[in-house]
Amino acid sequence: MNTTLLLSSVSLVIGGVLLVAHVLAGRREPLAVRLARVEGRLGTSGATLQLPGWVVGWRESYARDLRRAGGEKTLRRFLAEKALLAFAAPFVVLAPYATATARMPSLALVVLLAIGGSFVPDLLLRQQVKQRREAIFLDLPEAIAVLSLSLGAGQSLRQALELAGRDCAGPLGAELERALTLARKERGLSEREALVRVARETGEPTFTRFCELLAVKESPYLDFLRQQSREARAEQARYLERAADRAYLAMHAPLAPLLAVLVLVLAYGFLRFLAHTV
């Protein structure tokens, strides 16, 4: 009983602390702090802590994946979620066991569950990145078609990109609008160069290849865009065919063990029949 009470008390205290940390991690920094960080005035005075190279690379990798997932979650909040699940997973899984058996679980099992819980946000982040890349890839032929129609109507490349950004309501439209905003903010950066930078940050190879080809292509763009639209639609059709094949296999995969069991039962029944009749 004392062991169960101790475990429940520790779980309650740790759960409350992690809940408060999660709420505080979701809060935005004050405007003055954010402006100071953008202008480079934050942390210029005093000694700065030099992080190891592997830690810096680890943080940059997570920041890149969060950006490719849509940028809705900050790195600090993501790391807070990893810590929350690393602490919560052992207690959620082992608290009923300790209550039922009145014994403390082994330390190795607690550590193993903590490591597994910390990797759950990573799996979810990879899935979000994959879904966003797929959405950009599937919307690309339509965006190229809008660019082609706009340029054919006599509009400039900037106007065509603005129209394509408004017409595509998904992640691709957001990336096109972000590229235009970046070109307006940075002096000397053209729309095509901004598109290449944004496309490389998304990590979608088809979108990146199209933007790089557009950046080196001189006006007029109409024939080039029509050719790219045809190629993108053909690649999209091949992708959808492969996805349909995978879905078909996944739908029929559960039938294989059922058929195997049915064959074994029929074979066993037939052998029993032969044993009684012969």
C-alpha atoms as a PDB file:
ATOM      1  CA  MET A   1       0.000   0.000   0.000  1.00  0.00           C
ATOM      2  CA  ASN A   2       2.876   2.396   0.795  1.00  0.00           C
ATOM      3  CA  THR A   3       4.480   1.647  -2.566  1.00  0.00           C
ATOM      4  CA  THR A   4       1.236   2.318  -4.422  1.00  0.00           C
ATOM      5  CA  LEU A   5       0.662   5.559  -2.505  1.00  0.00           C
ATOM      6  CA  LEU A   6       4.221   6.710  -3.195  1.00  0.00           C
ATOM      7  CA  LEU A   7       3.913   5.972  -6.910  1.00  0.00           C
ATOM      8  CA  SER A   8       0.567   7.754  -7.144  1.00  0.00           C
ATOM      9  CA  SER A   9       1.934  10.824  -5.328  1.00  0.00           C
ATOM     10  CA  VAL A  10       5.009  11.000  -7.546  1.00  0.00           C
ATOM     11  CA  SER A  11       2.881  10.593 -10.680  1.00  0.00           C
ATOM     12  CA  LEU A  12       0.545  13.373  -9.545  1.00  0.00           C
ATOM     13  CA  VAL A  13       3.381  15.798  -8.791  1.00  0.00           C
ATOM     14  CA  ILE A  14       5.299  15.062 -12.008  1.00  0.00           C
ATOM     15  CA  GLY A  15       2.114  15.235 -14.087  1.00  0.00           C
ATOM     16  CA  GLY A  16       1.242  18.652 -12.641  1.00  0.00           C
ATOM     17  CA  VAL A  17       4.740  20.009 -13.249  1.00  0.00           C
ATOM     18  CA  LEU A  18       4.804  18.752 -16.828  1.00  0.00           C
ATOM     19  CA  LEU A  19       1.337  20.139 -17.506  1.00  0.00           C
ATOM     20  CA  VAL A  20       2.421  23.595 -16.328  1.00  0.00           C
ATOM     21  CA  ALA A  21       5.618  23.342 -18.404  1.00  0.00           C
ATOM     22  CA  HIS A  22       3.585  22.370 -21.470  1.00  0.00           C
ATOM     23  CA  VAL A  23       1.246  25.352 -21.026  1.00  0.00           C
ATOM     24  CA  LEU A  24       4.150  27.759 -20.540  1.00  0.00           C
ATOM     25  CA  ALA A  25       5.999  26.346 -23.559  1.00  0.00           C
ATOM     26  CA  GLY A  26       3.019  27.133 -25.787  1.00  0.00           C
ATOM     27  CA  ARG A  27       3.050  30.819 -24.834  1.00  0.00           C
ATOM     28  CA  ARG A  28       4.600  33.255 -27.264  1.00  0.00           C
ATOM     29  CA  GLU A  29       7.528  35.403 -26.246  1.00  0.00           C
ATOM     30  CA  PRO A  30       6.965  39.138 -25.715  1.00  0.00           C
ATOM     31  CA  LEU A  31       7.063  41.289 -28.836  1.00  0.00           C
ATOM     32  CA  ALA A  32      10.162  43.161 -27.648  1.00  0.00           C
ATOM     33  CA  VAL A  33      12.084  39.894 -27.261  1.00  0.00           C
ATOM     34  CA  ARG A  34      11.055  38.662 -30.704  1.00  0.00           C
ATOM     35  CA  LEU A  35      12.044  41.958 -32.333  1.00  0.00           C
ATOM     36  CA  ALA A  36      15.387  41.918 -30.527  1.00  0.00           C
ATOM     37  CA  ARG A  37      16.061  38.385 -31.778  1.00  0.00           C
ATOM     38  CA  VAL A  38      15.220  39.327 -35.378  1.00  0.00           C
ATOM     39  CA  GLU A  39      17.420  42.434 -35.242  1.00  0.00           C
ATOM     40  CA  GLY A  40      20.287  40.519 -33.629  1.00  0.00           C
ATOM     41  CA  ARG A  41      20.267  42.546 -30.408  1.00  0.00           C
ATOM     42  CA  LEU A  42      19.455  39.609 -28.144  1.00  0.00           C
ATOM     43  CA  GLY A  43      22.268  37.939 -26.317  1.00  0.00           C
ATOM     44  CA  THR A  44      25.035  40.228 -27.646  1.00  0.00           C
ATOM     45  CA  SER A  45      26.257  41.254 -24.192  1.00  0.00           C
ATOM     46  CA  GLY A  46      27.976  38.877 -21.817  1.00  0.00           C
ATOM     47  CA  ALA A  47      29.321  35.406 -22.331  1.00  0.00           C
ATOM     48  CA  THR A  48      27.392  33.010 -24.496  1.00  0.00           C
ATOM     49  CA  LEU A  49      27.207  29.277 -23.983  1.00  0.00           C
ATOM     50  CA  GLN A  50      28.890  27.368 -26.793  1.00  0.00           C
ATOM     51  CA  LEU A  51      26.921  24.236 -27.585  1.00  0.00           C
ATOM     52  CA  PRO A  52      28.607  21.136 -29.033  1.00  0.00           C
ATOM     53  CA  GLY A  53      28.389  20.657 -32.768  1.00  0.00           C
ATOM     54  CA  TRP A  54      26.156  17.590 -32.541  1.00  0.00           C
ATOM     55  CA  VAL A  55      23.677  19.527 -30.373  1.00  0.00           C
ATOM     56  CA  VAL A  56      23.570  22.389 -32.879  1.00  0.00           C
ATOM     57  CA  GLY A  57      23.038  19.952 -35.761  1.00  0.00           C
ATOM     58  CA  TRP A  58      20.337  18.146 -33.792  1.00  0.00           C
ATOM     59  CA  ARG A  59      18.483  21.421 -33.144  1.00  0.00           C
ATOM     60  CA  GLU A  60      18.821  22.515 -36.774  1.00  0.00           C
ATOM     61  CA  SER A  61      17.468  19.161 -37.972  1.00  0.00           C
ATOM     62  CA  TYR A  62      14.391  19.490 -35.776  1.00  0.00           C
ATOM     63  CA  ALA A  63      13.907  23.132 -36.792  1.00  0.00           C
ATOM     64  CA  ARG A  64      14.073  22.141 -40.476  1.00  0.00           C
ATOM     65  CA  ASP A  65      11.544  19.344 -40.023  1.00  0.00           C
ATOM     66  CA  LEU A  66       9.205  21.646 -38.088  1.00  0.00           C
ATOM     67  CA  ARG A  67       9.451  24.188 -40.901  1.00  0.00           C
ATOM     68  CA  ARG A  68       8.656  21.489 -43.482  1.00  0.00           C
ATOM     69  CA  ALA A  69       5.686  20.380 -41.398  1.00  0.00           C
ATOM     70  CA  GLY A  70       4.149  23.839 -41.679  1.00  0.00           C
ATOM     71  CA  GLY A  71       5.911  25.840 -38.978  1.00  0.00           C
ATOM     72  CA  GLU A  72       2.881  25.835 -36.660  1.00  0.00           C
ATOM     73  CA  LYS A  73       4.900  24.447 -33.734  1.00  0.00           C
ATOM     74  CA  THR A  74       8.040  25.996 -32.271  1.00  0.00           C
ATOM     75  CA  LEU A  75      11.144  24.004 -31.392  1.00  0.00           C
ATOM     76  CA  ARG A  76      10.708  24.784 -27.709  1.00  0.00           C
ATOM     77  CA  ARG A  77       7.172  23.427 -27.683  1.00  0.00           C
ATOM     78  CA  PHE A  78       8.219  20.319 -29.616  1.00  0.00           C
ATOM     79  CA  LEU A  79      11.000  19.560 -27.138  1.00  0.00           C
ATOM     80  CA  ALA A  80       8.567  20.148 -24.275  1.00  0.00           C
ATOM     81  CA  GLU A  81       6.200  17.583 -25.791  1.00  0.00           C
ATOM     82  CA  LYS A  82       9.058  15.078 -26.074  1.00  0.00           C
ATOM     83  CA  ALA A  83       9.925  15.585 -22.411  1.00  0.00           C
ATOM     84  CA  LEU A  84       6.263  15.353 -21.417  1.00  0.00           C
ATOM     85  CA  LEU A  85       5.758  12.022 -23.155  1.00  0.00           C
ATOM     86  CA  ALA A  86       9.109  10.704 -21.930  1.00  0.00           C
ATOM     87  CA  PHE A  87       7.970  11.255 -18.343  1.00  0.00           C
ATOM     88  CA  ALA A  88       4.330  10.347 -18.847  1.00  0.00           C
ATOM     89  CA  ALA A  89       4.720   7.080 -20.784  1.00  0.00           C
ATOM     90  CA  PRO A  90       6.269   5.054 -17.917  1.00  0.00           C
ATOM     91  CA  PHE A  91       3.685   6.234 -15.391  1.00  0.00           C
ATOM     92  CA  VAL A  92       0.706   5.710 -17.689  1.00  0.00           C
ATOM     93  CA  VAL A  93       1.802   2.171 -18.553  1.00  0.00           C
ATOM     94  CA  LEU A  94       3.290   1.041 -15.229  1.00  0.00           C
ATOM     95  CA  ALA A  95       1.010   2.739 -12.706  1.00  0.00           C
ATOM     96  CA  PRO A  96      -1.805   0.146 -13.147  1.00  0.00           C
ATOM     97  CA  TYR A  97       0.773  -2.660 -12.929  1.00  0.00           C
ATOM     98  CA  ALA A  98       2.290  -1.275  -9.721  1.00  0.00           C
ATOM     99  CA  THR A  99      -1.162  -0.751  -8.229  1.00  0.00           C
ATOM    100  CA  ALA A 100      -2.242  -4.305  -8.994  1.00  0.00           C
ATOM    101  CA  THR A 101       0.950  -6.042  -7.877  1.00  0.00           C
ATOM    102  CA  ALA A 102       2.055  -3.613  -5.111  1.00  0.00           C
ATOM    103  CA  ARG A 103       5.598  -3.795  -6.525  1.00  0.00           C
ATOM    104  CA  MET A 104       7.809  -1.179  -8.113  1.00  0.00           C
ATOM    105  CA  PRO A 105       8.684  -1.927 -11.779  1.00  0.00           C
ATOM    106  CA  SER A 106      12.286  -2.393 -12.816  1.00  0.00           C
ATOM    107  CA  LEU A 107      14.355   0.653 -13.694  1.00  0.00           C
ATOM    108  CA  ALA A 108      15.279  -0.781 -17.110  1.00  0.00           C
ATOM    109  CA  LEU A 109      11.600  -1.022 -18.090  1.00  0.00           C
ATOM    110  CA  VAL A 110      10.969   2.556 -16.950  1.00  0.00           C
ATOM    111  CA  VAL A 111      13.906   3.826 -19.011  1.00  0.00           C
ATOM    112  CA  LEU A 112      12.785   1.817 -22.040  1.00  0.00           C
ATOM    113  CA  LEU A 113       9.258   3.232 -21.884  1.00  0.00           C
ATOM    114  CA  ALA A 114      10.619   6.760 -21.397  1.00  0.00           C
ATOM    115  CA  ILE A 115      12.779   6.451 -24.518  1.00  0.00           C
ATOM    116  CA  GLY A 116       9.842   5.056 -26.484  1.00  0.00           C
ATOM    117  CA  GLY A 117       7.567   7.879 -25.324  1.00  0.00           C
ATOM    118  CA  SER A 118      10.102  10.523 -26.336  1.00  0.00           C
ATOM    119  CA  PHE A 119      10.120   9.185 -29.909  1.00  0.00           C
ATOM    120  CA  VAL A 120       6.343   9.495 -30.374  1.00  0.00           C
ATOM    121  CA  PRO A 121       6.526  13.229 -31.348  1.00  0.00           C
ATOM    122  CA  ASP A 122       9.271  12.367 -33.855  1.00  0.00           C
ATOM    123  CA  LEU A 123       7.030   9.822 -35.580  1.00  0.00           C
ATOM    124  CA  LEU A 124       4.147  12.280 -35.686  1.00  0.00           C
ATOM    125  CA  LEU A 125       6.434  15.004 -37.061  1.00  0.00           C
ATOM    126  CA  ARG A 126       7.703  12.731 -39.843  1.00  0.00           C
ATOM    127  CA  GLN A 127       4.128  11.873 -40.767  1.00  0.00           C
ATOM    128  CA  GLN A 128       3.187  15.568 -40.927  1.00  0.00           C
ATOM    129  CA  VAL A 129       6.207  16.323 -43.135  1.00  0.00           C
ATOM    130  CA  LYS A 130       5.293  13.454 -45.464  1.00  0.00           C
ATOM    131  CA  GLN A 131       1.663  14.581 -45.732  1.00  0.00           C
ATOM    132  CA  ARG A 132       2.658  18.176 -46.454  1.00  0.00           C
ATOM    133  CA  ARG A 133       5.117  17.119 -49.162  1.00  0.00           C
ATOM    134  CA  GLU A 134       2.431  14.984 -50.736  1.00  0.00           C
ATOM    135  CA  ALA A 135      -0.055  17.880 -50.674  1.00  0.00           C
ATOM    136  CA  ILE A 136       2.475  20.177 -52.392  1.00  0.00           C
ATOM    137  CA  PHE A 137       3.222  17.534 -55.012  1.00  0.00           C
ATOM    138  CA  LEU A 138      -0.451  16.921 -55.791  1.00  0.00           C
ATOM    139  CA  ASP A 139      -1.263  20.658 -56.073  1.00  0.00           C
ATOM    140  CA  LEU A 140       1.738  21.494 -58.258  1.00  0.00           C
ATOM    141  CA  PRO A 141       0.187  20.665 -61.690  1.00  0.00           C
ATOM    142  CA  GLU A 142      -2.793  22.901 -60.962  1.00  0.00           C
ATOM    143  CA  ALA A 143      -0.529  25.754 -59.838  1.00  0.00           C
ATOM    144  CA  ILE A 144       1.578  25.456 -63.001  1.00  0.00           C
ATOM    145  CA  ALA A 145      -1.589  25.506 -65.100  1.00  0.00           C
ATOM    146  CA  VAL A 146      -2.715  28.708 -63.342  1.00  0.00           C
ATOM    147  CA  LEU A 147       0.702  30.268 -63.998  1.00  0.00           C
ATOM    148  CA  SER A 148       0.463  29.312 -67.668  1.00  0.00           C
ATOM    149  CA  LEU A 149      -3.022  30.774 -68.070  1.00  0.00           C
ATOM    150  CA  SER A 150      -2.071  33.992 -66.268  1.00  0.00           C
ATOM    151  CA  LEU A 151       1.045  34.553 -68.344  1.00  0.00           C
ATOM    152  CA  GLY A 152      -0.916  33.730 -71.498  1.00  0.00           C
ATOM    153  CA  ALA A 153      -3.380  36.473 -70.526  1.00  0.00           C
ATOM    154  CA  GLY A 154      -0.547  39.026 -70.471  1.00  0.00           C
ATOM    155  CA  GLN A 155       0.149  39.205 -66.724  1.00  0.00           C
ATOM    156  CA  SER A 156       3.610  39.437 -65.241  1.00  0.00           C
ATOM    157  CA  LEU A 157       5.314  36.606 -63.358  1.00  0.00           C
ATOM    158  CA  ARG A 158       4.631  38.275 -60.005  1.00  0.00           C
ATOM    159  CA  GLN A 159       0.938  38.669 -60.804  1.00  0.00           C
ATOM    160  CA  ALA A 160       0.762  35.057 -61.995  1.00  0.00           C
ATOM    161  CA  LEU A 161       2.387  33.840 -58.775  1.00  0.00           C
ATOM    162  CA  GLU A 162      -0.015  35.923 -56.690  1.00  0.00           C
ATOM    163  CA  LEU A 163      -2.973  34.426 -58.538  1.00  0.00           C
ATOM    164  CA  ALA A 164      -1.607  30.881 -58.151  1.00  0.00           C
ATOM    165  CA  GLY A 165      -1.026  31.488 -54.443  1.00  0.00           C
ATOM    166  CA  ARG A 166      -4.626  32.608 -53.973  1.00  0.00           C
ATOM    167  CA  ASP A 167      -6.015  29.802 -56.133  1.00  0.00           C
ATOM    168  CA  CYS A 168      -4.156  26.998 -54.285  1.00  0.00           C
ATOM    169  CA  ALA A 169      -5.590  26.934 -50.795  1.00  0.00           C
ATOM    170  CA  GLY A 170      -3.247  24.216 -49.478  1.00  0.00           C
ATOM    171  CA  PRO A 171       0.419  24.228 -48.432  1.00  0.00           C
ATOM    172  CA  LEU A 172       1.612  25.038 -51.966  1.00  0.00           C
ATOM    173  CA  GLY A 173      -0.373  28.278 -51.990  1.00  0.00           C
ATOM    174  CA  ALA A 174       1.123  29.231 -48.620  1.00  0.00           C
ATOM    175  CA  GLU A 175       4.650  28.581 -49.946  1.00  0.00           C
ATOM    176  CA  LEU A 176       4.038  30.676 -53.075  1.00  0.00           C
ATOM    177  CA  GLU A 177       2.754  33.575 -50.969  1.00  0.00           C
ATOM    178  CA  ARG A 178       5.719  33.181 -48.634  1.00  0.00           C
ATOM    179  CA  ALA A 179       8.108  33.391 -51.591  1.00  0.00           C
ATOM    180  CA  LEU A 180       6.464  36.608 -52.793  1.00  0.00           C
ATOM    181  CA  THR A 181       6.642  38.089 -49.301  1.00  0.00           C
ATOM    182  CA  LEU A 182      10.314  37.150 -49.091  1.00  0.00           C
ATOM    183  CA  ALA A 183      11.020  38.816 -52.455  1.00  0.00           C
ATOM    184  CA  ARG A 184       9.306  42.007 -51.283  1.00  0.00           C
ATOM    185  CA  LYS A 185      11.173  42.123 -47.973  1.00  0.00           C
ATOM    186  CA  GLU A 186      14.697  41.401 -49.226  1.00  0.00           C
ATOM    187  CA  ARG A 187      16.160  43.944 -51.614  1.00  0.00           C
ATOM    188  CA  GLY A 188      17.802  42.424 -54.663  1.00  0.00           C
ATOM    189  CA  LEU A 189      15.987  39.108 -54.353  1.00  0.00           C
ATOM    190  CA  SER A 190      13.826  38.265 -57.357  1.00  0.00           C
ATOM    191  CA  GLU A 191      10.657  36.200 -57.297  1.00  0.00           C
ATOM    192  CA  ARG A 192      12.381  33.280 -58.992  1.00  0.00           C
ATOM    193  CA  GLU A 193      15.253  33.233 -56.479  1.00  0.00           C
ATOM    194  CA  ALA A 194      12.781  33.434 -53.597  1.00  0.00           C
ATOM    195  CA  LEU A 195      10.849  30.517 -55.093  1.00  0.00           C
ATOM    196  CA  VAL A 196      14.007  28.408 -55.240  1.00  0.00           C
ATOM    197  CA  ARG A 197      14.840  29.176 -51.610  1.00  0.00           C
ATOM    198  CA  VAL A 198      11.338  28.377 -50.393  1.00  0.00           C
ATOM    199  CA  ALA A 199      11.117  25.209 -52.504  1.00  0.00           C
ATOM    200  CA  ARG A 200      14.400  23.885 -51.101  1.00  0.00           C
ATOM    201  CA  GLU A 201      13.143  24.492 -47.576  1.00  0.00           C
ATOM    202  CA  THR A 202      10.019  22.423 -48.234  1.00  0.00           C
ATOM    203  CA  GLY A 203      12.076  19.392 -49.233  1.00  0.00           C
ATOM    204  CA  GLU A 204       9.659  18.362 -52.019  1.00  0.00           C
ATOM    205  CA  PRO A 205      11.880  17.309 -54.972  1.00  0.00           C
ATOM    206  CA  THR A 206       9.384  17.910 -57.801  1.00  0.00           C
ATOM    207  CA  PHE A 207       8.564  21.430 -56.585  1.00  0.00           C
ATOM    208  CA  THR A 208      12.262  22.176 -56.069  1.00  0.00           C
ATOM    209  CA  ARG A 209      13.178  20.968 -59.569  1.00  0.00           C
ATOM    210  CA  PHE A 210      10.430  23.079 -61.151  1.00  0.00           C
ATOM    211  CA  CYS A 211      11.521  26.237 -59.308  1.00  0.00           C
ATOM    212  CA  GLU A 212      15.179  25.689 -60.201  1.00  0.00           C
ATOM    213  CA  LEU A 213      14.289  25.259 -63.884  1.00  0.00           C
ATOM    214  CA  LEU A 214      12.097  28.371 -63.744  1.00  0.00           C
ATOM    215  CA  ALA A 215      14.934  30.356 -62.161  1.00  0.00           C
ATOM    216  CA  VAL A 216      17.305  29.692 -65.080  1.00  0.00           C
ATOM    217  CA  LYS A 217      14.629  30.029 -67.769  1.00  0.00           C
ATOM    218  CA  GLU A 218      14.406  33.338 -69.566  1.00  0.00           C
ATOM    219  CA  SER A 219      11.138  34.927 -70.669  1.00  0.00           C
ATOM    220  CA  PRO A 220       8.825  33.943 -72.341  1.00  0.00           C
ATOM    221  CA  TYR A 221       7.769  31.219 -69.934  1.00  0.00           C
ATOM    222  CA  LEU A 222       4.581  30.056 -71.647  1.00  0.00           C
ATOM    223  CA  ASP A 223       5.933  27.050 -73.583  1.00  0.00           C
ATOM    224  CA  PHE A 224       8.113  26.034 -70.644  1.00  0.00           C
ATOM    225  CA  LEU A 225       5.164  26.108 -68.235  1.00  0.00           C
ATOM    226  CA  ARG A 226       2.963  24.087 -70.553  1.00  0.00           C
ATOM    227  CA  GLN A 227       5.649  21.424 -70.861  1.00  0.00           C
ATOM    228  CA  GLN A 228       6.177  21.384 -67.085  1.00  0.00           C
ATOM    229  CA  SER A 229       2.431  21.073 -66.530  1.00  0.00           C
ATOM    230  CA  ARG A 230       2.252  18.006 -68.780  1.00  0.00           C
ATOM    231  CA  GLU A 231       5.244  16.391 -67.076  1.00  0.00           C
ATOM    232  CA  ALA A 232       3.882  17.126 -63.600  1.00  0.00           C
ATOM    233  CA  ARG A 233       0.490  15.642 -64.458  1.00  0.00           C
ATOM    234  CA  ALA A 234       2.137  12.515 -65.892  1.00  0.00           C
ATOM    235  CA  GLU A 235       4.258  12.111 -62.770  1.00  0.00           C
ATOM    236  CA  GLN A 236       1.198  12.679 -60.611  1.00  0.00           C
ATOM    237  CA  ALA A 237      -0.712   9.977 -62.531  1.00  0.00           C
ATOM    238  CA  ARG A 238       2.126   7.492 -61.957  1.00  0.00           C
ATOM    239  CA  TYR A 239       2.199   8.360 -58.265  1.00  0.00           C
ATOM    240  CA  LEU A 240      -1.551   7.888 -57.915  1.00  0.00           C
ATOM    241  CA  GLU A 241      -1.336   4.523 -59.684  1.00  0.00           C
ATOM    242  CA  ARG A 242       1.340   3.352 -57.255  1.00  0.00           C
ATOM    243  CA  ALA A 243      -0.709   4.640 -54.332  1.00  0.00           C
ATOM    244  CA  ALA A 244      -3.765   2.751 -55.609  1.00  0.00           C
ATOM    245  CA  ASP A 245      -1.714  -0.453 -55.887  1.00  0.00           C
ATOM    246  CA  ARG A 246      -0.414  -0.038 -52.328  1.00  0.00           C
ATOM    247  CA  ALA A 247      -3.930   0.610 -51.049  1.00  0.00           C
ATOM    248  CA  TYR A 248      -5.203  -2.489 -52.860  1.00  0.00           C
ATOM    249  CA  LEU A 249      -2.482  -4.637 -51.311  1.00  0.00           C
ATOM    250  CA  ALA A 250      -3.059  -3.155 -47.859  1.00  0.00           C
ATOM    251  CA  MET A 251      -6.787  -3.822 -48.157  1.00  0.00           C
ATOM    252  CA  HIS A 252      -6.277  -7.483 -49.092  1.00  0.00           C
ATOM    253  CA  ALA A 253      -3.323  -8.176 -46.798  1.00  0.00           C
ATOM    254  CA  PRO A 254      -5.519  -9.265 -43.832  1.00  0.00           C
ATOM    255  CA  LEU A 255      -7.110 -11.938 -46.047  1.00  0.00           C
ATOM    256  CA  ALA A 256      -3.859 -13.935 -46.331  1.00  0.00           C
ATOM    257  CA  PRO A 257      -3.749 -15.216 -42.717  1.00  0.00           C
ATOM    258  CA  LEU A 258      -7.495 -15.904 -42.802  1.00  0.00           C
ATOM    259  CA  LEU A 259      -7.118 -17.995 -45.953  1.00  0.00           C
ATOM    260  CA  ALA A 260      -4.168 -19.834 -44.411  1.00  0.00           C
ATOM    261  CA  VAL A 261      -6.204 -20.687 -41.312  1.00  0.00           C
ATOM    262  CA  LEU A 262      -9.130 -21.801 -43.481  1.00  0.00           C
ATOM    263  CA  VAL A 263      -6.879 -24.083 -45.542  1.00  0.00           C
ATOM    264  CA  LEU A 264      -5.401 -25.615 -42.378  1.00  0.00           C
ATOM    265  CA  VAL A 265      -8.861 -26.229 -40.894  1.00  0.00           C
ATOM    266  CA  LEU A 266     -10.113 -27.850 -44.111  1.00  0.00           C
ATOM    267  CA  ALA A 267      -6.989 -29.996 -44.368  1.00  0.00           C
ATOM    268  CA  TYR A 268      -7.319 -31.080 -40.738  1.00  0.00           C
ATOM    269  CA  GLY A 269     -10.998 -31.930 -41.263  1.00  0.00           C
ATOM    270  CA  PHE A 270     -10.242 -33.887 -44.413  1.00  0.00           C
ATOM    271  CA  LEU A 271      -7.496 -35.892 -42.666  1.00  0.00           C
ATOM    272  CA  ARG A 272      -9.801 -36.652 -39.755  1.00  0.00           C
ATOM    273  CA  PHE A 273     -12.441 -37.800 -42.185  1.00  0.00           C
ATOM    274  CA  LEU A 274      -9.969 -40.120 -43.883  1.00  0.00           C
ATOM    275  CA  ALA A 275      -8.817 -41.498 -40.531  1.00  0.00           C
ATOM    276  CA  HIS A 276     -12.364 -42.494 -39.560  1.00  0.00           C
ATOM    277  CA  THR A 277     -13.419 -43.907 -42.925  1.00  0.00           C
ATOM    278  CA  VAL A 278     -10.341 -45.861 -43.966  1.00  0.00           C
END
